[in-house]
Amino acid sequence: CIYHSGNKNMIVIMCHGFGSDKDEVGGMFTRIAEALAEEDI
């Protein structure tokens, strides 16, 4: 797993699709994780 820290009030847990992985196709999960980190989530 890959964890991005943020405010302790909330965390987004991502569950990828069939045949994929934790980054998701095209890095979609990586990108949204980075966007959330910028918002301290």
Full PDB file with SEQRES, HELIX, SHEET, SSBOND, CRYST1, ORIGX, SCALE, CONECT and MASTER records, all heavy atoms in Angstrom:
SEQRES   1 A   41  CYS ILE TYR HIS SER GLY ASN LYS ASN MET ILE VAL ILE          
SEQRES   2 A   41  MET CYS HIS GLY PHE GLY SER ASP LYS ASP GLU VAL GLY          
SEQRES   3 A   41  GLY MET PHE THR ARG ILE ALA GLU ALA LEU ALA GLU GLU          
SEQRES   4 A   41  ASP ILE                                                      
HELIX    1 AA1 VAL A   25  GLY A   27  5                                   3    
HELIX    2 AA2 MET A   28  GLU A   38  1                                  11    
CRYST1    1.000    1.000    1.000  90.00  90.00  90.00 P 1           1          
ORIGX1      1.000000  0.000000  0.000000        0.00000                         
ORIGX2      0.000000  1.000000  0.000000        0.00000                         
ORIGX3      0.000000  0.000000  1.000000        0.00000                         
SCALE1      1.000000  0.000000  0.000000        0.00000                         
SCALE2      0.000000  1.000000  0.000000        0.00000                         
SCALE3      0.000000  0.000000  1.000000        0.00000                         
ATOM      1  N   CYS A   1       0.831  -1.201   0.000  1.00  0.00           N  
ATOM      2  CA  CYS A   1       0.000   0.000   0.000  1.00  0.00           C  
ATOM      3  C   CYS A   1       0.866   1.251   0.000  1.00  0.00           C  
ATOM      4  O   CYS A   1       2.062   1.204   0.319  1.00  0.00           O  
ATOM      5  CB  CYS A   1      -0.941  -0.003   1.209  1.00  0.00           C  
ATOM      6  SG  CYS A   1      -0.096  -0.088   2.804  1.00  0.00           S  
ATOM      7  N   ILE A   2       0.269   2.350  -0.366  1.00  0.00           N  
ATOM      8  CA  ILE A   2       0.929   3.659  -0.338  1.00  0.00           C  
ATOM      9  C   ILE A   2       0.021   4.614   0.432  1.00  0.00           C  
ATOM     10  O   ILE A   2      -1.169   4.748   0.131  1.00  0.00           O  
ATOM     11  CB  ILE A   2       1.191   4.192  -1.755  1.00  0.00           C  
ATOM     12  CG1 ILE A   2       2.175   3.270  -2.481  1.00  0.00           C  
ATOM     13  CG2 ILE A   2       1.747   5.621  -1.691  1.00  0.00           C  
ATOM     14  CD1 ILE A   2       2.494   3.698  -3.895  1.00  0.00           C  
ATOM     15  N   TYR A   3       0.613   5.260   1.414  1.00  0.00           N  
ATOM     16  CA  TYR A   3      -0.127   6.158   2.298  1.00  0.00           C  
ATOM     17  C   TYR A   3       0.376   7.584   2.117  1.00  0.00           C  
ATOM     18  O   TYR A   3       1.580   7.818   2.090  1.00  0.00           O  
ATOM     19  CB  TYR A   3       0.064   5.711   3.746  1.00  0.00           C  
ATOM     20  CG  TYR A   3      -0.353   6.710   4.797  1.00  0.00           C  
ATOM     21  CD1 TYR A   3      -1.702   6.947   5.057  1.00  0.00           C  
ATOM     22  CD2 TYR A   3       0.603   7.416   5.531  1.00  0.00           C  
ATOM     23  CE1 TYR A   3      -2.088   7.860   6.030  1.00  0.00           C  
ATOM     24  CE2 TYR A   3       0.224   8.324   6.500  1.00  0.00           C  
ATOM     25  CZ  TYR A   3      -1.119   8.548   6.747  1.00  0.00           C  
ATOM     26  OH  TYR A   3      -1.493   9.454   7.706  1.00  0.00           O  
ATOM     27  N   HIS A   4      -0.561   8.512   1.959  1.00  0.00           N  
ATOM     28  CA  HIS A   4      -0.241   9.934   1.947  1.00  0.00           C  
ATOM     29  C   HIS A   4      -0.845  10.540   3.210  1.00  0.00           C  
ATOM     30  O   HIS A   4      -2.045  10.415   3.444  1.00  0.00           O  
ATOM     31  CB  HIS A   4      -0.837  10.622   0.712  1.00  0.00           C  
ATOM     32  CG  HIS A   4      -0.135  10.306  -0.570  1.00  0.00           C  
ATOM     33  ND1 HIS A   4       0.750  11.166  -1.169  1.00  0.00           N  
ATOM     34  CD2 HIS A   4      -0.174   9.206  -1.361  1.00  0.00           C  
ATOM     35  CE1 HIS A   4       1.223  10.628  -2.276  1.00  0.00           C  
ATOM     36  NE2 HIS A   4       0.679   9.436  -2.417  1.00  0.00           N  
ATOM     37  N   SER A   5      -0.026  11.184   4.015  1.00  0.00           N  
ATOM     38  CA  SER A   5      -0.519  11.755   5.268  1.00  0.00           C  
ATOM     39  C   SER A   5      -1.343  13.009   5.011  1.00  0.00           C  
ATOM     40  O   SER A   5      -1.276  13.626   3.942  1.00  0.00           O  
ATOM     41  CB  SER A   5       0.647  12.073   6.201  1.00  0.00           C  
ATOM     42  OG  SER A   5       1.489  13.045   5.614  1.00  0.00           O  
ATOM     43  N   GLY A   6      -2.114  13.374   6.012  1.00  0.00           N  
ATOM     44  CA  GLY A   6      -2.956  14.555   5.933  1.00  0.00           C  
ATOM     45  C   GLY A   6      -3.618  14.802   7.262  1.00  0.00           C  
ATOM     46  O   GLY A   6      -3.276  14.176   8.276  1.00  0.00           O  
ATOM     47  N   ASN A   7      -4.567  15.706   7.288  1.00  0.00           N  
ATOM     48  CA  ASN A   7      -5.322  15.998   8.500  1.00  0.00           C  
ATOM     49  C   ASN A   7      -5.949  14.722   9.044  1.00  0.00           C  
ATOM     50  O   ASN A   7      -6.519  13.927   8.304  1.00  0.00           O  
ATOM     51  CB  ASN A   7      -6.412  17.025   8.174  1.00  0.00           C  
ATOM     52  CG  ASN A   7      -7.112  17.541   9.409  1.00  0.00           C  
ATOM     53  OD1 ASN A   7      -7.805  16.794  10.097  1.00  0.00           O  
ATOM     54  ND2 ASN A   7      -6.934  18.824   9.679  1.00  0.00           N  
ATOM     55  N   LYS A   8      -5.849  14.535  10.356  1.00  0.00           N  
ATOM     56  CA  LYS A   8      -6.318  13.288  10.971  1.00  0.00           C  
ATOM     57  C   LYS A   8      -7.837  13.149  10.998  1.00  0.00           C  
ATOM     58  O   LYS A   8      -8.360  12.123  11.436  1.00  0.00           O  
ATOM     59  CB  LYS A   8      -5.782  13.176  12.401  1.00  0.00           C  
ATOM     60  CG  LYS A   8      -4.360  12.648  12.494  1.00  0.00           C  
ATOM     61  CD  LYS A   8      -4.326  11.159  12.167  1.00  0.00           C  
ATOM     62  CE  LYS A   8      -2.931  10.593  12.375  1.00  0.00           C  
ATOM     63  NZ  LYS A   8      -2.885   9.138  12.131  1.00  0.00           N  
ATOM     64  N   ASN A   9      -8.551  14.161  10.541  1.00  0.00           N  
ATOM     65  CA  ASN A   9     -10.011  14.065  10.573  1.00  0.00           C  
ATOM     66  C   ASN A   9     -10.566  13.141   9.497  1.00  0.00           C  
ATOM     67  O   ASN A   9     -11.651  12.583   9.646  1.00  0.00           O  
ATOM     68  CB  ASN A   9     -10.637  15.456  10.411  1.00  0.00           C  
ATOM     69  CG  ASN A   9     -10.447  16.323  11.634  1.00  0.00           C  
ATOM     70  OD1 ASN A   9     -10.331  15.812  12.745  1.00  0.00           O  
ATOM     71  ND2 ASN A   9     -10.391  17.629  11.438  1.00  0.00           N  
ATOM     72  N   MET A  10      -9.836  12.984   8.383  1.00  0.00           N  
ATOM     73  CA  MET A  10     -10.410  12.247   7.252  1.00  0.00           C  
ATOM     74  C   MET A  10      -9.332  11.516   6.463  1.00  0.00           C  
ATOM     75  O   MET A  10      -8.213  11.994   6.313  1.00  0.00           O  
ATOM     76  CB  MET A  10     -11.155  13.210   6.322  1.00  0.00           C  
ATOM     77  CG  MET A  10     -11.708  12.574   5.058  1.00  0.00           C  
ATOM     78  SD  MET A  10     -12.512  13.800   3.969  1.00  0.00           S  
ATOM     79  CE  MET A  10     -14.021  14.095   4.910  1.00  0.00           C  
ATOM     80  N   ILE A  11      -9.706  10.356   5.927  1.00  0.00           N  
ATOM     81  CA  ILE A  11      -8.833   9.623   5.023  1.00  0.00           C  
ATOM     82  C   ILE A  11      -9.667   9.027   3.891  1.00  0.00           C  
ATOM     83  O   ILE A  11     -10.811   8.613   4.095  1.00  0.00           O  
ATOM     84  CB  ILE A  11      -8.058   8.503   5.758  1.00  0.00           C  
ATOM     85  CG1 ILE A  11      -7.012   7.860   4.827  1.00  0.00           C  
ATOM     86  CG2 ILE A  11      -9.010   7.451   6.336  1.00  0.00           C  
ATOM     87  CD1 ILE A  11      -6.041   6.946   5.537  1.00  0.00           C  
ATOM     88  N   VAL A  12      -9.122   9.023   2.696  1.00  0.00           N  
ATOM     89  CA  VAL A  12      -9.758   8.423   1.523  1.00  0.00           C  
ATOM     90  C   VAL A  12      -9.055   7.100   1.248  1.00  0.00           C  
ATOM     91  O   VAL A  12      -7.846   7.070   1.018  1.00  0.00           O  
ATOM     92  CB  VAL A  12      -9.673   9.340   0.294  1.00  0.00           C  
ATOM     93  CG1 VAL A  12     -10.338   8.676  -0.909  1.00  0.00           C  
ATOM     94  CG2 VAL A  12     -10.318  10.693   0.588  1.00  0.00           C  
ATOM     95  N   ILE A  13      -9.799   6.014   1.285  1.00  0.00           N  
ATOM     96  CA  ILE A  13      -9.252   4.680   1.008  1.00  0.00           C  
ATOM     97  C   ILE A  13      -9.694   4.266  -0.379  1.00  0.00           C  
ATOM     98  O   ILE A  13     -10.887   4.264  -0.690  1.00  0.00           O  
ATOM     99  CB  ILE A  13      -9.706   3.670   2.069  1.00  0.00           C  
ATOM    100  CG1 ILE A  13      -9.152   4.085   3.441  1.00  0.00           C  
ATOM    101  CG2 ILE A  13      -9.239   2.257   1.712  1.00  0.00           C  
ATOM    102  CD1 ILE A  13      -9.640   3.224   4.594  1.00  0.00           C  
ATOM    103  N   MET A  14      -8.720   3.913  -1.229  1.00  0.00           N  
ATOM    104  CA  MET A  14      -8.988   3.639  -2.635  1.00  0.00           C  
ATOM    105  C   MET A  14      -8.877   2.152  -2.942  1.00  0.00           C  
ATOM    106  O   MET A  14      -7.908   1.506  -2.558  1.00  0.00           O  
ATOM    107  CB  MET A  14      -7.992   4.411  -3.513  1.00  0.00           C  
ATOM    108  CG  MET A  14      -7.950   5.898  -3.218  1.00  0.00           C  
ATOM    109  SD  MET A  14      -6.748   6.749  -4.269  1.00  0.00           S  
ATOM    110  CE  MET A  14      -6.603   8.301  -3.380  1.00  0.00           C  
ATOM    111  N   CYS A  15      -9.869   1.648  -3.659  1.00  0.00           N  
ATOM    112  CA  CYS A  15      -9.944   0.229  -3.995  1.00  0.00           C  
ATOM    113  C   CYS A  15      -9.960   0.095  -5.521  1.00  0.00           C  
ATOM    114  O   CYS A  15     -10.936   0.486  -6.175  1.00  0.00           O  
ATOM    115  CB  CYS A  15     -11.203  -0.373  -3.369  1.00  0.00           C  
ATOM    116  SG  CYS A  15     -11.264  -2.161  -3.369  1.00  0.00           S  
ATOM    117  N   HIS A  16      -8.882  -0.426  -6.091  1.00  0.00           N  
ATOM    118  CA  HIS A  16      -8.726  -0.450  -7.548  1.00  0.00           C  
ATOM    119  C   HIS A  16      -9.579  -1.533  -8.217  1.00  0.00           C  
ATOM    120  O   HIS A  16     -10.201  -2.369  -7.569  1.00  0.00           O  
ATOM    121  CB  HIS A  16      -7.251  -0.626  -7.922  1.00  0.00           C  
ATOM    122  CG  HIS A  16      -6.677  -1.968  -7.550  1.00  0.00           C  
ATOM    123  ND1 HIS A  16      -6.970  -3.123  -8.234  1.00  0.00           N  
ATOM    124  CD2 HIS A  16      -5.811  -2.332  -6.563  1.00  0.00           C  
ATOM    125  CE1 HIS A  16      -6.328  -4.150  -7.700  1.00  0.00           C  
ATOM    126  NE2 HIS A  16      -5.615  -3.696  -6.676  1.00  0.00           N  
ATOM    127  N   GLY A  17      -9.556  -1.523  -9.533  1.00  0.00           N  
ATOM    128  CA  GLY A  17     -10.378  -2.427 -10.315  1.00  0.00           C  
ATOM    129  C   GLY A  17      -9.704  -3.745 -10.662  1.00  0.00           C  
ATOM    130  O   GLY A  17      -8.541  -3.988 -10.349  1.00  0.00           O  
ATOM    131  N   PHE A  18     -10.452  -4.578 -11.356  1.00  0.00           N  
ATOM    132  CA  PHE A  18     -10.027  -5.921 -11.742  1.00  0.00           C  
ATOM    133  C   PHE A  18      -8.837  -5.863 -12.704  1.00  0.00           C  
ATOM    134  O   PHE A  18      -8.865  -5.163 -13.710  1.00  0.00           O  
ATOM    135  CB  PHE A  18     -11.197  -6.641 -12.408  1.00  0.00           C  
ATOM    136  CG  PHE A  18     -10.939  -8.077 -12.759  1.00  0.00           C  
ATOM    137  CD1 PHE A  18     -10.722  -9.017 -11.775  1.00  0.00           C  
ATOM    138  CD2 PHE A  18     -10.930  -8.475 -14.087  1.00  0.00           C  
ATOM    139  CE1 PHE A  18     -10.497 -10.348 -12.103  1.00  0.00           C  
ATOM    140  CE2 PHE A  18     -10.713  -9.808 -14.425  1.00  0.00           C  
ATOM    141  CZ  PHE A  18     -10.486 -10.736 -13.430  1.00  0.00           C  
ATOM    142  N   GLY A  19      -7.775  -6.591 -12.373  1.00  0.00           N  
ATOM    143  CA  GLY A  19      -6.612  -6.639 -13.234  1.00  0.00           C  
ATOM    144  C   GLY A  19      -5.704  -5.430 -13.139  1.00  0.00           C  
ATOM    145  O   GLY A  19      -4.699  -5.352 -13.840  1.00  0.00           O  
ATOM    146  N   SER A  20      -6.020  -4.489 -12.261  1.00  0.00           N  
ATOM    147  CA  SER A  20      -5.247  -3.261 -12.140  1.00  0.00           C  
ATOM    148  C   SER A  20      -4.357  -3.329 -10.896  1.00  0.00           C  
ATOM    149  O   SER A  20      -3.990  -4.401 -10.431  1.00  0.00           O  
ATOM    150  CB  SER A  20      -6.187  -2.056 -12.092  1.00  0.00           C  
ATOM    151  OG  SER A  20      -5.474  -0.845 -12.186  1.00  0.00           O  
ATOM    152  N   ASP A  21      -4.004  -2.168 -10.350  1.00  0.00           N  
ATOM    153  CA  ASP A  21      -3.183  -2.132  -9.139  1.00  0.00           C  
ATOM    154  C   ASP A  21      -3.453  -0.834  -8.389  1.00  0.00           C  
ATOM    155  O   ASP A  21      -4.330  -0.053  -8.782  1.00  0.00           O  
ATOM    156  CB  ASP A  21      -1.693  -2.284  -9.457  1.00  0.00           C  
ATOM    157  CG  ASP A  21      -1.162  -1.199 -10.379  1.00  0.00           C  
ATOM    158  OD1 ASP A  21      -1.639  -0.043 -10.298  1.00  0.00           O  
ATOM    159  OD2 ASP A  21      -0.277  -1.488 -11.191  1.00  0.00           O  
ATOM    160  N   LYS A  22      -2.699  -0.607  -7.340  1.00  0.00           N  
ATOM    161  CA  LYS A  22      -2.962   0.522  -6.446  1.00  0.00           C  
ATOM    162  C   LYS A  22      -2.798   1.889  -7.096  1.00  0.00           C  
ATOM    163  O   LYS A  22      -3.291   2.888  -6.565  1.00  0.00           O  
ATOM    164  CB  LYS A  22      -2.073   0.431  -5.204  1.00  0.00           C  
ATOM    165  CG  LYS A  22      -0.579   0.405  -5.473  1.00  0.00           C  
ATOM    166  CD  LYS A  22       0.201   0.233  -4.173  1.00  0.00           C  
ATOM    167  CE  LYS A  22       1.691   0.026  -4.429  1.00  0.00           C  
ATOM    168  NZ  LYS A  22       1.958  -1.284  -5.100  1.00  0.00           N  
ATOM    169  N   ASP A  23      -2.092   1.973  -8.225  1.00  0.00           N  
ATOM    170  CA  ASP A  23      -1.950   3.255  -8.917  1.00  0.00           C  
ATOM    171  C   ASP A  23      -3.086   3.494  -9.908  1.00  0.00           C  
ATOM    172  O   ASP A  23      -3.324   4.624 -10.311  1.00  0.00           O  
ATOM    173  CB  ASP A  23      -0.613   3.323  -9.654  1.00  0.00           C  
ATOM    174  CG  ASP A  23       0.570   3.310  -8.688  1.00  0.00           C  
ATOM    175  OD1 ASP A  23       0.391   3.721  -7.529  1.00  0.00           O  
ATOM    176  OD2 ASP A  23       1.659   2.866  -9.100  1.00  0.00           O  
ATOM    177  N   GLU A  24      -3.766   2.449 -10.310  1.00  0.00           N  
ATOM    178  CA  GLU A  24      -4.856   2.441 -11.284  1.00  0.00           C  
ATOM    179  C   GLU A  24      -4.359   2.828 -12.679  1.00  0.00           C  
ATOM    180  O   GLU A  24      -3.296   3.405 -12.853  1.00  0.00           O  
ATOM    181  CB  GLU A  24      -6.021   3.328 -10.872  1.00  0.00           C  
ATOM    182  CG  GLU A  24      -7.260   2.577 -10.416  1.00  0.00           C  
ATOM    183  CD  GLU A  24      -7.705   1.444 -11.341  1.00  0.00           C  
ATOM    184  OE1 GLU A  24      -7.377   1.442 -12.524  1.00  0.00           O  
ATOM    185  OE2 GLU A  24      -8.405   0.556 -10.842  1.00  0.00           O  
ATOM    186  N   VAL A  25      -5.154   2.473 -13.654  1.00  0.00           N  
ATOM    187  CA  VAL A  25      -4.787   2.685 -15.058  1.00  0.00           C  
ATOM    188  C   VAL A  25      -4.504   4.173 -15.309  1.00  0.00           C  
ATOM    189  O   VAL A  25      -5.238   5.049 -14.848  1.00  0.00           O  
ATOM    190  CB  VAL A  25      -5.915   2.177 -15.988  1.00  0.00           C  
ATOM    191  CG1 VAL A  25      -7.224   2.912 -15.743  1.00  0.00           C  
ATOM    192  CG2 VAL A  25      -5.502   2.300 -17.449  1.00  0.00           C  
ATOM    193  N   GLY A  26      -3.419   4.441 -16.016  1.00  0.00           N  
ATOM    194  CA  GLY A  26      -3.057   5.822 -16.292  1.00  0.00           C  
ATOM    195  C   GLY A  26      -2.626   6.593 -15.062  1.00  0.00           C  
ATOM    196  O   GLY A  26      -2.502   7.824 -15.116  1.00  0.00           O  
ATOM    197  N   GLY A  27      -2.389   5.876 -13.934  1.00  0.00           N  
ATOM    198  CA  GLY A  27      -1.981   6.548 -12.702  1.00  0.00           C  
ATOM    199  C   GLY A  27      -3.070   7.383 -12.059  1.00  0.00           C  
ATOM    200  O   GLY A  27      -2.798   8.316 -11.295  1.00  0.00           O  
ATOM    201  N   MET A  28      -4.341   7.040 -12.317  1.00  0.00           N  
ATOM    202  CA  MET A  28      -5.447   7.856 -11.812  1.00  0.00           C  
ATOM    203  C   MET A  28      -5.466   7.946 -10.292  1.00  0.00           C  
ATOM    204  O   MET A  28      -5.736   9.006  -9.722  1.00  0.00           O  
ATOM    205  CB  MET A  28      -6.781   7.325 -12.333  1.00  0.00           C  
ATOM    206  CG  MET A  28      -7.023   7.628 -13.797  1.00  0.00           C  
ATOM    207  SD  MET A  28      -8.739   7.329 -14.311  1.00  0.00           S  
ATOM    208  CE  MET A  28      -8.777   5.542 -14.271  1.00  0.00           C  
ATOM    209  N   PHE A  29      -5.203   6.822  -9.614  1.00  0.00           N  
ATOM    210  CA  PHE A  29      -5.211   6.852  -8.147  1.00  0.00           C  
ATOM    211  C   PHE A  29      -3.996   7.618  -7.612  1.00  0.00           C  
ATOM    212  O   PHE A  29      -4.088   8.306  -6.591  1.00  0.00           O  
ATOM    213  CB  PHE A  29      -5.226   5.433  -7.583  1.00  0.00           C  
ATOM    214  CG  PHE A  29      -6.608   4.829  -7.476  1.00  0.00           C  
ATOM    215  CD1 PHE A  29      -7.722   5.487  -7.970  1.00  0.00           C  
ATOM    216  CD2 PHE A  29      -6.798   3.596  -6.862  1.00  0.00           C  
ATOM    217  CE1 PHE A  29      -8.991   4.930  -7.872  1.00  0.00           C  
ATOM    218  CE2 PHE A  29      -8.059   3.039  -6.742  1.00  0.00           C  
ATOM    219  CZ  PHE A  29      -9.159   3.700  -7.249  1.00  0.00           C  
ATOM    220  N   THR A  30      -2.877   7.503  -8.287  1.00  0.00           N  
ATOM    221  CA  THR A  30      -1.695   8.263  -7.883  1.00  0.00           C  
ATOM    222  C   THR A  30      -1.979   9.753  -7.971  1.00  0.00           C  
ATOM    223  O   THR A  30      -1.668  10.523  -7.046  1.00  0.00           O  
ATOM    224  CB  THR A  30      -0.501   7.921  -8.789  1.00  0.00           C  
ATOM    225  OG1 THR A  30      -0.266   6.523  -8.746  1.00  0.00           O  
ATOM    226  CG2 THR A  30       0.751   8.656  -8.338  1.00  0.00           C  
ATOM    227  N   ARG A  31      -2.595  10.144  -9.062  1.00  0.00           N  
ATOM    228  CA  ARG A  31      -2.868  11.565  -9.287  1.00  0.00           C  
ATOM    229  C   ARG A  31      -3.867  12.134  -8.279  1.00  0.00           C  
ATOM    230  O   ARG A  31      -3.663  13.235  -7.753  1.00  0.00           O  
ATOM    231  CB  ARG A  31      -3.374  11.780 -10.717  1.00  0.00           C  
ATOM    232  CG  ARG A  31      -2.304  11.573 -11.768  1.00  0.00           C  
ATOM    233  CD  ARG A  31      -2.866  11.697 -13.167  1.00  0.00           C  
ATOM    234  NE  ARG A  31      -3.481  13.003 -13.393  1.00  0.00           N  
ATOM    235  CZ  ARG A  31      -4.043  13.358 -14.553  1.00  0.00           C  
ATOM    236  NH1 ARG A  31      -4.057  12.499 -15.563  1.00  0.00           N  
ATOM    237  NH2 ARG A  31      -4.582  14.552 -14.701  1.00  0.00           N  
ATOM    238  N   ILE A  32      -4.914  11.387  -7.988  1.00  0.00           N  
ATOM    239  CA  ILE A  32      -5.881  11.940  -7.038  1.00  0.00           C  
ATOM    240  C   ILE A  32      -5.306  11.941  -5.628  1.00  0.00           C  
ATOM    241  O   ILE A  32      -5.591  12.839  -4.821  1.00  0.00           O  
ATOM    242  CB  ILE A  32      -7.233  11.213  -7.094  1.00  0.00           C  
ATOM    243  CG1 ILE A  32      -8.276  12.004  -6.299  1.00  0.00           C  
ATOM    244  CG2 ILE A  32      -7.127   9.775  -6.576  1.00  0.00           C  
ATOM    245  CD1 ILE A  32      -9.688  11.524  -6.458  1.00  0.00           C  
ATOM    246  N   ALA A  33      -4.456  10.969  -5.298  1.00  0.00           N  
ATOM    247  CA  ALA A  33      -3.808  10.959  -3.985  1.00  0.00           C  
ATOM    248  C   ALA A  33      -2.946  12.200  -3.810  1.00  0.00           C  
ATOM    249  O   ALA A  33      -2.935  12.832  -2.742  1.00  0.00           O  
ATOM    250  CB  ALA A  33      -2.977   9.695  -3.820  1.00  0.00           C  
ATOM    251  N   GLU A  34      -2.215  12.557  -4.860  1.00  0.00           N  
ATOM    252  CA  GLU A  34      -1.372  13.747  -4.804  1.00  0.00           C  
ATOM    253  C   GLU A  34      -2.214  15.015  -4.699  1.00  0.00           C  
ATOM    254  O   GLU A  34      -1.856  15.955  -3.974  1.00  0.00           O  
ATOM    255  CB  GLU A  34      -0.467  13.785  -6.034  1.00  0.00           C  
ATOM    256  CG  GLU A  34       0.575  12.677  -6.042  1.00  0.00           C  
ATOM    257  CD  GLU A  34       1.323  12.560  -7.367  1.00  0.00           C  
ATOM    258  OE1 GLU A  34       0.878  13.205  -8.349  1.00  0.00           O  
ATOM    259  OE2 GLU A  34       2.329  11.824  -7.414  1.00  0.00           O  
ATOM    260  N   ALA A  35      -3.341  15.047  -5.420  1.00  0.00           N  
ATOM    261  CA  ALA A  35      -4.232  16.207  -5.360  1.00  0.00           C  
ATOM    262  C   ALA A  35      -4.845  16.348  -3.968  1.00  0.00           C  
ATOM    263  O   ALA A  35      -4.978  17.465  -3.444  1.00  0.00           O  
ATOM    264  CB  ALA A  35      -5.325  16.081  -6.413  1.00  0.00           C  
ATOM    265  N   LEU A  36      -5.200  15.225  -3.364  1.00  0.00           N  
ATOM    266  CA  LEU A  36      -5.756  15.260  -2.005  1.00  0.00           C  
ATOM    267  C   LEU A  36      -4.705  15.710  -0.995  1.00  0.00           C  
ATOM    268  O   LEU A  36      -5.009  16.463  -0.059  1.00  0.00           O  
ATOM    269  CB  LEU A  36      -6.293  13.881  -1.633  1.00  0.00           C  
ATOM    270  CG  LEU A  36      -7.549  13.428  -2.373  1.00  0.00           C  
ATOM    271  CD1 LEU A  36      -7.830  11.951  -2.099  1.00  0.00           C  
ATOM    272  CD2 LEU A  36      -8.753  14.268  -1.966  1.00  0.00           C  
ATOM    273  N   ALA A  37      -3.463  15.258  -1.173  1.00  0.00           N  
ATOM    274  CA  ALA A  37      -2.383  15.650  -0.257  1.00  0.00           C  
ATOM    275  C   ALA A  37      -2.190  17.162  -0.270  1.00  0.00           C  
ATOM    276  O   ALA A  37      -1.898  17.776   0.772  1.00  0.00           O  
ATOM    277  CB  ALA A  37      -1.094  14.935  -0.633  1.00  0.00           C  
ATOM    278  N   GLU A  38      -2.367  17.775  -1.429  1.00  0.00           N  
ATOM    279  CA  GLU A  38      -2.242  19.228  -1.525  1.00  0.00           C  
ATOM    280  C   GLU A  38      -3.328  19.938  -0.719  1.00  0.00           C  
ATOM    281  O   GLU A  38      -3.152  21.094  -0.327  1.00  0.00           O  
ATOM    282  CB  GLU A  38      -2.308  19.659  -2.992  1.00  0.00           C  
ATOM    283  CG  GLU A  38      -1.100  19.231  -3.816  1.00  0.00           C  
ATOM    284  CD  GLU A  38      -1.192  19.666  -5.256  1.00  0.00           C  
ATOM    285  OE1 GLU A  38      -2.218  20.309  -5.615  1.00  0.00           O  
ATOM    286  OE2 GLU A  38      -0.266  19.377  -6.036  1.00  0.00           O  
ATOM    287  N   GLU A  39      -4.424  19.241  -0.491  1.00  0.00           N  
ATOM    288  CA  GLU A  39      -5.525  19.791   0.308  1.00  0.00           C  
ATOM    289  C   GLU A  39      -5.472  19.299   1.752  1.00  0.00           C  
ATOM    290  O   GLU A  39      -6.437  19.468   2.505  1.00  0.00           O  
ATOM    291  CB  GLU A  39      -6.872  19.394  -0.319  1.00  0.00           C  
ATOM    292  CG  GLU A  39      -7.075  19.877  -1.745  1.00  0.00           C  
ATOM    293  CD  GLU A  39      -7.192  21.389  -1.846  1.00  0.00           C  
ATOM    294  OE1 GLU A  39      -7.539  22.027  -0.821  1.00  0.00           O  
ATOM    295  OE2 GLU A  39      -6.928  21.921  -2.944  1.00  0.00           O  
ATOM    296  N   ASP A  40      -4.354  18.684   2.139  1.00  0.00           N  
ATOM    297  CA  ASP A  40      -4.152  18.163   3.494  1.00  0.00           C  
ATOM    298  C   ASP A  40      -5.165  17.064   3.834  1.00  0.00           C  
ATOM    299  O   ASP A  40      -5.612  16.939   4.970  1.00  0.00           O  
ATOM    300  CB  ASP A  40      -4.233  19.293   4.535  1.00  0.00           C  
ATOM    301  CG  ASP A  40      -3.649  18.882   5.885  1.00  0.00           C  
ATOM    302  OD1 ASP A  40      -2.735  18.033   5.903  1.00  0.00           O  
ATOM    303  OD2 ASP A  40      -4.124  19.405   6.916  1.00  0.00           O  
ATOM    304  N   ILE A  41      -5.511  16.261   2.830  1.00  0.00           N  
ATOM    305  CA  ILE A  41      -6.421  15.132   3.037  1.00  0.00           C  
ATOM    306  C   ILE A  41      -5.631  13.843   2.838  1.00  0.00           C  
ATOM    307  O   ILE A  41      -5.003  13.634   1.798  1.00  0.00           O  
ATOM    308  CB  ILE A  41      -7.608  15.185   2.058  1.00  0.00           C  
ATOM    309  CG1 ILE A  41      -8.435  16.458   2.300  1.00  0.00           C  
ATOM    310  CG2 ILE A  41      -8.485  13.946   2.210  1.00  0.00           C  
ATOM    311  CD1 ILE A  41      -9.527  16.676   1.278  1.00  0.00           C  
TER     312      ILE A  41                                                      
MASTER        0    0    0    2    0    0    0    6  311    1    0    4          
END                                                                             
